[in-house]
Protein backbone atom coordinates (compact mmCIF):
# COMPACT_ATOMS: atom_id res chain seq x y z
CA MET A 1 -29.13 43.01 -39.52
CA LYS A 2 -28.15 44.61 -36.45
CA GLY A 3 -25.80 42.74 -34.05
CA LYS A 4 -25.70 39.28 -36.08
CA ILE A 5 -22.30 38.06 -36.04
CA ARG A 6 -21.19 37.00 -39.40
CA ASN A 7 -19.30 33.98 -40.31
CA SER A 8 -16.21 35.40 -40.79
CA PRO A 9 -13.04 33.27 -41.82
CA SER A 10 -11.46 34.35 -38.71
CA THR A 11 -14.74 33.14 -36.60
CA SER A 12 -14.45 29.71 -38.73
CA ARG A 13 -10.98 29.46 -38.02
CA ALA A 14 -11.04 29.90 -34.32
CA ARG A 15 -14.64 27.54 -34.38
CA LYS A 16 -12.20 24.96 -35.63
CA ARG A 17 -9.40 25.56 -33.02
CA LEU A 18 -11.92 25.16 -30.25
CA ASN A 19 -13.79 21.79 -31.78
CA LYS A 20 -10.01 20.37 -32.12
CA HIS A 21 -9.64 21.99 -28.13
CA LEU A 22 -11.58 19.15 -27.20
CA GLU A 23 -12.02 15.92 -29.08
CA GLN A 24 -13.91 12.99 -28.25
CA ILE A 25 -10.67 10.68 -27.72
CA ASN A 26 -12.47 7.69 -26.11
CA LEU A 27 -15.88 7.29 -28.60
CA TYR A 28 -16.67 3.80 -26.79
CA ALA A 29 -16.66 4.98 -23.68
CA ALA A 30 -18.77 4.08 -20.52
CA GLY A 31 -18.86 5.66 -16.81
CA ILE A 32 -19.84 3.76 -13.98
CA ASP A 33 -21.01 5.58 -10.67
CA ILE A 34 -20.43 2.85 -7.68
CA GLY A 35 -22.36 2.36 -4.59
CA SER A 36 -22.59 -0.23 -1.96
CA GLN A 37 -25.92 -1.48 -3.34
CA MET A 38 -26.02 -0.19 -6.84
CA HIS A 39 -23.85 0.76 -9.84
CA TYR A 40 -25.04 3.24 -12.40
CA VAL A 41 -23.93 3.22 -15.91
CA ALA A 42 -23.97 5.48 -18.79
CA VAL A 43 -22.64 4.80 -22.42
CA PRO A 44 -22.94 6.89 -25.90
CA GLU A 45 -26.47 7.67 -26.56
CA GLY A 46 -26.22 5.96 -29.99
CA LEU A 47 -24.69 2.84 -29.10
CA ASP A 48 -27.90 1.71 -27.17
CA ASP A 49 -31.42 2.60 -26.71
CA GLU A 50 -31.34 2.61 -22.93
CA PRO A 51 -28.21 4.51 -22.10
CA VAL A 52 -28.38 4.45 -18.69
CA ARG A 53 -28.71 1.68 -16.54
CA SER A 54 -28.48 0.15 -13.14
CA PHE A 55 -27.05 -2.98 -12.20
CA SER A 56 -27.12 -4.76 -8.59
CA CYS A 57 -23.71 -5.47 -6.71
CA PHE A 58 -24.09 -9.35 -6.82
CA THR A 59 -21.80 -11.27 -8.91
CA GLY A 60 -24.53 -12.52 -11.59
CA ASP A 61 -25.71 -8.78 -12.06
CA LEU A 62 -22.00 -7.75 -12.56
CA LYS A 63 -21.30 -10.12 -15.16
CA SER A 64 -24.86 -9.13 -16.84
CA MET A 65 -23.16 -5.63 -16.71
CA ALA A 66 -20.06 -6.67 -18.16
CA ASN A 67 -21.99 -8.69 -20.91
CA TRP A 68 -23.95 -5.54 -21.82
CA LEU A 69 -20.92 -2.92 -22.56
CA VAL A 70 -19.05 -5.97 -24.24
CA GLU A 71 -21.94 -6.38 -26.88
CA ILE A 72 -22.72 -2.85 -27.64
CA GLY A 73 -18.90 -2.29 -28.29
CA ILE A 74 -17.74 -0.26 -24.82
CA GLU A 75 -13.91 -0.70 -24.93
CA THR A 76 -13.43 1.22 -21.80
CA VAL A 77 -14.51 1.96 -18.45
CA ALA A 78 -14.34 4.80 -16.31
CA MET A 79 -15.50 4.37 -12.42
CA GLU A 80 -15.58 6.39 -9.17
CA SER A 81 -16.02 4.98 -6.34
CA THR A 82 -14.29 5.16 -2.12
CA GLY A 83 -14.01 2.25 -0.22
CA ILE A 84 -13.76 -1.05 -1.66
CA TYR A 85 -17.05 -1.50 -3.48
CA TRP A 86 -15.33 -0.84 -6.77
CA ILE A 87 -12.75 -3.95 -6.61
CA PRO A 88 -15.74 -6.81 -7.52
CA ALA A 89 -16.59 -5.03 -10.73
CA TYR A 90 -13.29 -3.63 -12.06
CA GLU A 91 -11.80 -7.02 -11.75
CA ILE A 92 -14.55 -8.52 -13.51
CA LEU A 93 -14.56 -6.24 -16.14
CA GLU A 94 -11.18 -6.71 -16.59
CA ASP A 95 -11.44 -10.24 -16.93
CA TYR A 96 -14.08 -9.30 -20.15
CA GLY A 97 -11.23 -7.60 -21.46
CA LEU A 98 -12.17 -4.07 -20.97
CA GLU A 99 -9.98 -1.23 -19.94
CA VAL A 100 -10.91 0.17 -16.40
CA LEU A 101 -10.23 3.02 -14.97
CA LEU A 102 -10.75 4.07 -11.10
CA VAL A 103 -10.70 7.85 -10.83
CA ASN A 104 -9.84 9.34 -7.74
CA ALA A 105 -13.38 11.25 -6.87
CA ARG A 106 -11.71 14.79 -5.46
CA HIS A 107 -10.20 14.87 -9.68
CA VAL A 108 -13.34 14.67 -10.61
CA LYS A 109 -14.43 17.59 -8.72
CA ASN A 110 -12.10 19.68 -10.06
CA VAL A 111 -13.31 19.32 -13.34
CA SER A 112 -15.67 22.97 -14.25
CA GLY A 113 -18.92 21.99 -16.02
CA ARG A 114 -22.72 21.55 -14.98
CA LYS A 115 -23.45 18.67 -13.56
CA THR A 116 -26.21 18.90 -11.87
CA ASP A 117 -28.81 17.85 -14.90
CA VAL A 118 -27.39 14.42 -15.43
CA LEU A 119 -26.40 11.40 -13.29
CA ASP A 120 -22.46 11.25 -11.87
CA CYS A 121 -22.02 7.90 -14.03
CA GLN A 122 -23.29 10.59 -17.09
CA TRP A 123 -20.90 12.64 -16.16
CA LEU A 124 -18.05 10.71 -15.74
CA GLN A 125 -18.78 9.33 -19.43
CA GLN A 126 -18.79 12.79 -20.88
CA LEU A 127 -15.32 13.27 -19.45
CA HIS A 128 -13.81 10.06 -20.18
CA THR A 129 -14.96 10.63 -24.04
CA TYR A 130 -12.85 13.93 -23.95
CA GLY A 131 -9.96 11.86 -22.49
CA LEU A 132 -10.03 14.24 -18.96
CA LEU A 133 -9.98 11.36 -16.49
CA HIS A 134 -6.42 9.63 -15.45
CA GLY A 135 -6.97 6.37 -13.51
CA ALA A 136 -5.46 5.44 -10.29
CA PHE A 137 -2.31 3.18 -10.41
CA ARG A 138 -2.98 -0.37 -9.81
CA PRO A 139 -0.42 -3.08 -10.32
CA PRO A 140 -0.21 -6.33 -12.42
CA GLU A 141 -2.85 -9.48 -10.58
CA GLN A 142 0.69 -10.87 -9.68
CA ILE A 143 1.57 -7.87 -7.87
CA THR A 144 -1.69 -7.15 -6.47
CA ALA A 145 -1.75 -10.48 -4.88
CA LEU A 146 1.26 -9.90 -3.25
CA ARG A 147 -0.03 -6.78 -1.84
CA ALA A 148 -3.22 -8.39 -0.85
CA TYR A 149 -0.75 -10.70 1.30
CA MET A 150 1.54 -8.06 2.66
CA ARG A 151 -1.11 -6.03 3.57
CA GLN A 152 -3.13 -8.97 5.57
CA ARG A 153 0.78 -9.55 7.28
CA GLU A 154 0.68 -6.00 8.26
CA THR A 155 -2.95 -6.58 9.99
CA LEU A 156 -2.00 -9.49 11.84
CA ARG A 157 1.23 -7.68 13.38
CA ARG A 158 -0.64 -4.67 14.34
CA TYR A 159 -3.44 -6.89 16.02
CA ALA A 160 -0.41 -9.23 17.86
CA GLY A 161 1.13 -5.79 18.89
CA SER A 162 -2.06 -4.78 21.02
CA HIS A 163 -2.14 -7.84 22.57
CA ILE A 164 1.83 -6.97 24.03
CA GLN A 165 0.40 -4.09 25.30
CA HIS A 166 -2.58 -6.35 27.30
CA MET A 167 0.07 -8.58 28.58
CA GLN A 168 1.40 -5.64 29.52
CA LYS A 169 -0.89 -3.97 31.77
CA ALA A 170 -1.53 -7.20 33.21
CA LEU A 171 1.55 -7.17 34.36
CA ARG A 172 1.78 -3.26 35.70
CA GLN A 173 -1.50 -4.43 37.55
CA MET A 174 0.18 -7.00 39.16
CA ASN A 175 3.36 -4.46 39.67
CA LEU A 176 5.23 -7.00 37.69
CA LEU A 177 7.69 -4.76 36.13
CA LEU A 178 9.57 -7.19 33.29
CA ASP A 179 9.36 -3.98 31.27
CA ASN A 180 12.19 -2.42 33.15
CA VAL A 181 14.39 -5.43 33.07
CA VAL A 182 13.51 -6.93 29.28
CA SER A 183 13.66 -4.20 26.40
CA ASP A 184 10.64 -6.99 24.89
CA ILE A 185 8.85 -8.81 26.74
CA THR A 186 8.26 -11.11 24.23
CA GLY A 187 11.83 -11.60 23.27
CA LYS A 188 13.08 -15.21 25.18
CA THR A 189 13.47 -14.16 28.60
CA GLY A 190 10.26 -12.42 28.78
CA MET A 191 7.81 -14.83 27.35
CA THR A 192 9.49 -17.54 29.24
CA ILE A 193 9.02 -15.92 32.30
CA ILE A 194 5.57 -15.27 31.33
CA ARG A 195 4.72 -18.60 31.00
CA ALA A 196 6.32 -20.13 34.17
CA ILE A 197 3.86 -17.37 35.97
CA LEU A 198 0.93 -18.45 34.00
CA ASN A 199 2.03 -22.15 35.04
CA GLY A 200 1.85 -21.11 39.07
CA GLU A 201 5.17 -19.62 39.27
CA ARG A 202 5.81 -17.11 42.04
CA ASP A 203 9.22 -17.12 43.44
CA PRO A 204 11.11 -14.03 41.65
CA ASP A 205 14.27 -15.80 42.44
CA LYS A 206 13.22 -19.05 40.41
CA LEU A 207 11.80 -16.49 37.68
CA ALA A 208 14.99 -14.47 37.56
CA VAL A 209 16.56 -18.08 36.87
CA TYR A 210 15.07 -18.00 33.20
CA ARG A 211 16.67 -14.81 32.59
CA ASP A 212 18.70 -15.77 28.86
CA GLY A 213 22.38 -15.03 28.85
CA ARG A 214 22.33 -12.19 26.49
CA CYS A 215 20.10 -10.50 28.73
CA LYS A 216 21.78 -6.86 30.03
CA LYS A 217 20.14 -7.35 33.71
CA SER A 218 21.25 -9.63 36.26
CA GLU A 219 19.39 -12.27 37.91
CA GLU A 220 19.36 -10.41 40.86
CA GLU A 221 17.30 -7.30 39.42
CA ILE A 222 15.11 -9.48 37.17
CA SER A 223 14.11 -10.77 40.62
CA HIS A 224 13.97 -7.21 42.33
CA SER A 225 11.01 -6.24 39.66
CA LEU A 226 9.47 -10.02 39.70
CA HIS A 227 7.82 -9.04 43.46
CA GLY A 228 4.39 -8.60 42.59
CA HIS A 229 0.87 -8.71 43.79
CA TYR A 230 -0.88 -11.46 42.50
CA ARG A 231 -4.71 -11.47 41.43
CA GLU A 232 -6.43 -13.65 39.61
CA GLU A 233 -8.34 -11.79 36.90
CA TYR A 234 -4.99 -10.37 36.05
CA ILE A 235 -4.00 -13.79 35.31
CA PHE A 236 -6.41 -14.59 33.36
CA THR A 237 -6.27 -11.23 31.30
CA LEU A 238 -2.52 -12.32 30.93
CA ARG A 239 -3.52 -15.45 29.55
CA GLN A 240 -5.99 -14.89 27.38
CA SER A 241 -3.58 -12.07 25.94
CA LEU A 242 -0.87 -14.31 25.26
CA HIS A 243 -2.48 -17.00 23.49
CA LEU A 244 -4.13 -14.44 21.34
CA TYR A 245 -0.62 -13.16 20.59
CA GLU A 246 0.62 -16.55 19.58
CA THR A 247 -2.51 -17.17 17.50
CA TYR A 248 -1.93 -14.27 15.70
CA HIS A 249 2.02 -15.32 15.14
CA GLU A 250 0.80 -18.65 13.74
CA GLN A 251 -1.46 -16.46 11.01
CA ILE A 252 1.57 -14.63 10.22
CA GLN A 253 3.66 -17.93 9.70
CA ALA A 254 0.85 -19.54 7.54
CA CYS A 255 0.78 -15.69 5.87
CA ASP A 256 4.48 -15.93 5.01
CA ALA A 257 4.05 -19.43 3.70
CA ALA A 258 1.65 -18.17 0.94
CA ILE A 259 3.95 -15.27 0.07
CA GLU A 260 6.65 -17.68 -0.29
CA GLN A 261 5.02 -19.47 -2.62
CA LEU A 262 3.45 -16.54 -4.56
CA LEU A 263 7.16 -15.57 -5.10
CA GLY A 264 8.14 -18.44 -6.45
CA LYS A 265 5.91 -18.13 -8.90
CA PHE A 266 7.32 -14.77 -10.77
CA ASP A 267 9.49 -14.77 -13.65
CA THR A 268 12.94 -15.19 -12.78
CA ASN A 269 15.50 -12.20 -13.68
CA GLY A 270 18.70 -13.43 -11.18
CA ASP A 271 20.28 -16.30 -10.00
CA PRO A 272 20.39 -16.27 -5.96
CA ASP A 273 23.41 -18.23 -5.69
CA SER A 274 25.06 -15.04 -7.11
CA LEU A 275 24.01 -13.02 -4.58
CA PRO A 276 26.82 -12.25 -2.06
CA SER A 277 26.21 -12.87 1.55
CA SER A 278 25.26 -10.03 3.60
CA LYS A 279 26.20 -8.98 6.93
CA ASP A 280 23.04 -7.26 7.88
CA ARG A 281 21.41 -8.99 10.46
CA LYS A 282 17.94 -10.39 9.84
CA SER A 283 15.06 -8.67 11.39
CA ALA A 284 12.69 -10.22 13.82
CA SER A 285 9.81 -8.49 11.53
CA ALA A 286 10.75 -9.98 8.39
CA PRO A 287 9.54 -13.70 7.21
CA ALA A 288 11.88 -16.58 8.06
CA PHE A 289 12.34 -17.70 4.51
CA ASP A 290 15.17 -16.49 2.42
CA VAL A 291 13.32 -12.96 1.16
CA ARG A 292 16.34 -11.11 0.18
CA GLY A 293 17.47 -14.50 -2.46
CA GLU A 294 13.60 -14.47 -3.62
CA LEU A 295 13.76 -10.16 -3.93
CA TYR A 296 17.26 -10.96 -6.36
CA CYS A 297 15.41 -13.62 -8.36
CA ILE A 298 12.65 -11.43 -9.21
CA THR A 299 14.32 -8.28 -9.64
CA GLY A 300 17.88 -9.13 -10.57
CA VAL A 301 18.91 -6.43 -8.42
CA ASP A 302 20.05 -6.89 -4.62
CA LEU A 303 17.66 -3.61 -3.27
CA THR A 304 18.57 -4.14 0.40
CA GLY A 305 22.20 -2.81 -1.20
CA ILE A 306 20.45 0.48 -0.92
CA ALA A 307 21.12 2.43 2.24
CA GLY A 308 18.54 2.10 4.56
CA ILE A 309 16.47 -0.55 3.00
CA SER A 310 16.00 -3.51 4.95
CA GLU A 311 14.56 -6.97 2.86
CA ILE A 312 10.95 -6.58 4.34
CA THR A 313 11.01 -3.01 3.13
CA ALA A 314 11.86 -3.56 -0.30
CA LEU A 315 9.44 -6.71 -0.19
CA LYS A 316 6.86 -3.94 1.19
CA ILE A 317 7.95 -1.50 -1.17
CA LEU A 318 7.60 -4.35 -4.86
CA SER A 319 4.47 -5.49 -3.57
CA GLU A 320 3.23 -1.82 -3.84
CA THR A 321 4.78 -1.03 -6.91
CA GLY A 322 5.44 -3.82 -8.50
CA THR A 323 8.32 -4.49 -11.03
CA ASP A 324 7.54 -2.46 -14.15
CA MET A 325 9.08 1.06 -13.81
CA SER A 326 7.57 2.28 -17.02
CA ARG A 327 4.07 3.22 -15.83
CA TRP A 328 5.90 6.58 -14.59
CA LYS A 329 7.22 8.50 -17.13
CA SER A 330 10.27 9.37 -15.55
CA ALA A 331 11.70 9.21 -11.96
CA LYS A 332 9.95 12.80 -10.87
CA HIS A 333 6.82 11.48 -11.81
CA PHE A 334 7.61 8.73 -9.28
CA SER A 335 8.44 10.70 -6.67
CA SER A 336 5.71 12.85 -6.85
CA TRP A 337 3.53 9.73 -6.97
CA LEU A 338 5.16 8.57 -3.53
CA GLY A 339 4.62 12.37 -2.39
CA LEU A 340 8.07 12.79 -1.41
CA SER A 341 8.64 15.86 -3.83
CA PRO A 342 7.94 19.30 -2.65
CA GLY A 343 4.75 20.88 -3.56
CA ASN A 344 4.67 23.19 -6.04
CA LYS A 345 1.16 25.34 -4.48
CA THR A 346 2.09 29.01 -6.29
CA SER A 347 -0.14 32.15 -6.71
CA GLY A 348 0.20 35.23 -8.67
CA GLY A 349 3.75 34.66 -9.12
CA LYS A 350 4.19 33.96 -5.32
CA ILE A 351 5.02 30.29 -3.97
CA LEU A 352 2.57 29.73 -0.99
CA SER A 353 3.73 26.29 0.04
CA LYS A 354 6.44 23.49 -0.92
CA LYS A 355 5.13 20.93 1.93
CA THR A 356 5.35 17.55 1.07
CA LYS A 357 2.18 15.26 1.04
CA ARG A 358 1.66 13.85 4.60
CA THR A 359 0.31 10.44 3.62
CA ALA A 360 0.59 9.44 0.02
CA ASN A 361 0.24 5.64 -0.23
CA ARG A 362 1.96 2.44 1.31
CA ALA A 363 5.28 2.85 -0.31
CA SER A 364 6.20 5.84 0.67
CA SER A 365 5.42 5.14 4.45
CA ALA A 366 7.77 2.24 3.93
CA LEU A 367 10.34 4.87 2.53
CA ARG A 368 9.71 7.11 5.21
CA MET A 369 10.20 4.57 7.94
CA ALA A 370 13.57 3.35 6.20
CA ALA A 371 15.05 6.74 5.88
CA TYR A 372 14.16 7.62 9.58
CA SER A 373 14.92 3.82 11.23
CA GLU A 374 17.15 3.92 14.07
CA GLU A 375 18.43 0.92 13.20
CA ARG A 376 20.07 1.88 10.05
CA ILE A 377 20.94 5.61 10.92
CA GLY A 378 24.70 5.12 11.03
CA CYS A 379 24.57 4.12 7.38
CA LEU A 380 21.98 6.76 6.05
CA LEU A 381 22.53 9.81 3.60
CA SER A 382 22.39 13.06 4.43
CA GLN A 383 19.16 14.85 4.55
CA ASP A 384 20.42 16.77 1.46
CA GLU A 385 21.09 14.31 -0.12
CA ILE A 386 18.16 11.93 0.58
CA LYS A 387 16.18 15.06 -0.79
CA THR A 388 18.44 15.52 -4.02
CA TRP A 389 17.97 11.75 -4.69
CA PHE A 390 14.11 11.16 -4.33
CA THR A 391 13.33 14.56 -6.26
CA GLU A 392 16.01 14.89 -8.79
CA GLY A 393 15.76 11.16 -9.96
CA HIS A 394 19.41 9.83 -9.53
CA TYR A 395 18.21 6.53 -8.21
CA ARG A 396 18.35 4.33 -10.90
CA HIS A 397 19.49 0.52 -10.98
CA SER A 398 20.81 -1.79 -13.90
CA THR A 399 18.98 -5.21 -14.58
CA GLN A 400 21.81 -6.75 -17.03
CA THR A 401 24.76 -5.78 -13.92
CA GLY A 402 22.92 -5.81 -11.06
CA THR A 403 24.27 -2.95 -9.91
CA ILE A 404 22.75 0.22 -7.80
CA ASP A 405 24.04 3.92 -8.27
CA LEU A 406 23.10 6.42 -6.09
């Protein structure tokens, strides 16, 4: 018959190749479209009479959702979400023994196909069945807990910093130029003078006596800067700003205590007594406990031996990445995840852009800040060496010898 395509041997072979190209890898896969009020779940049609169900965000409903998925034999779940709505569902599903993948919504959009006639959860389930989705990186539970503490600490420090600005503004409004004669008004000299002002002292000569011996400015210069125009409303603002600053620092200390307690529960891979003493001055932003020793116990290497990496920077990176580097196939993959490797945007054989990502994650930000820190600028590698280090993966360490190679 004219126009009819016969099933020739070559056509059969082509069909086999096409069928093999998209194999169903995850036969027992589910897809979840996460929302702020409802979660929509899709499973393979043969596993349940009602393959698409909706569950509210209450904890009891999330457990019912997990029970249903386990009962029908689901082994892996892919979920798409923005914000933080996915966290409770993710953790509960993991507790029930399911493999959970958090999928970037932008990556799902890059997969071509018609999704107008199906729900988002069905589209996710279908893509996950064929193995076309990859989950975002999520560290182990211990590291996740450490990350939560560290991010909370950063939030507290940011809020405390805003109240330093409020104190500076109140002082400037009274023409008290304290920030001109001390490098940090929250240092010993600055805080002693501010507390004396709030206690009623107005004589600039008496205030200048509180100058710390390490201050570069003389008492005469400090006294000259403290001839102010005092007003009660600005004193009130200064008092409240100082109180809030001190309150946040009390919470930071409580957060540091929780971090120290958590670090003590990690597996030990090194003896801190064998760690040589460091000549580096402890950062003012670092916790009061021995962070360097705790990190050495966990990793078995002295991470602060890397040029530009302080103990607080090493703790930040560890809280974001964990200690298991096998989660990345190679150092190049790790550099790409950090957003530190050059881009490869090409078209028609022509390179359009090699720019790196502006923002990737908090670990990347910590490394960028370490690389450009003015405090450690004297011991940094050259720009070419830094680029080679990150892009070609020359950084490696040995947990057996405790050495770091560049």
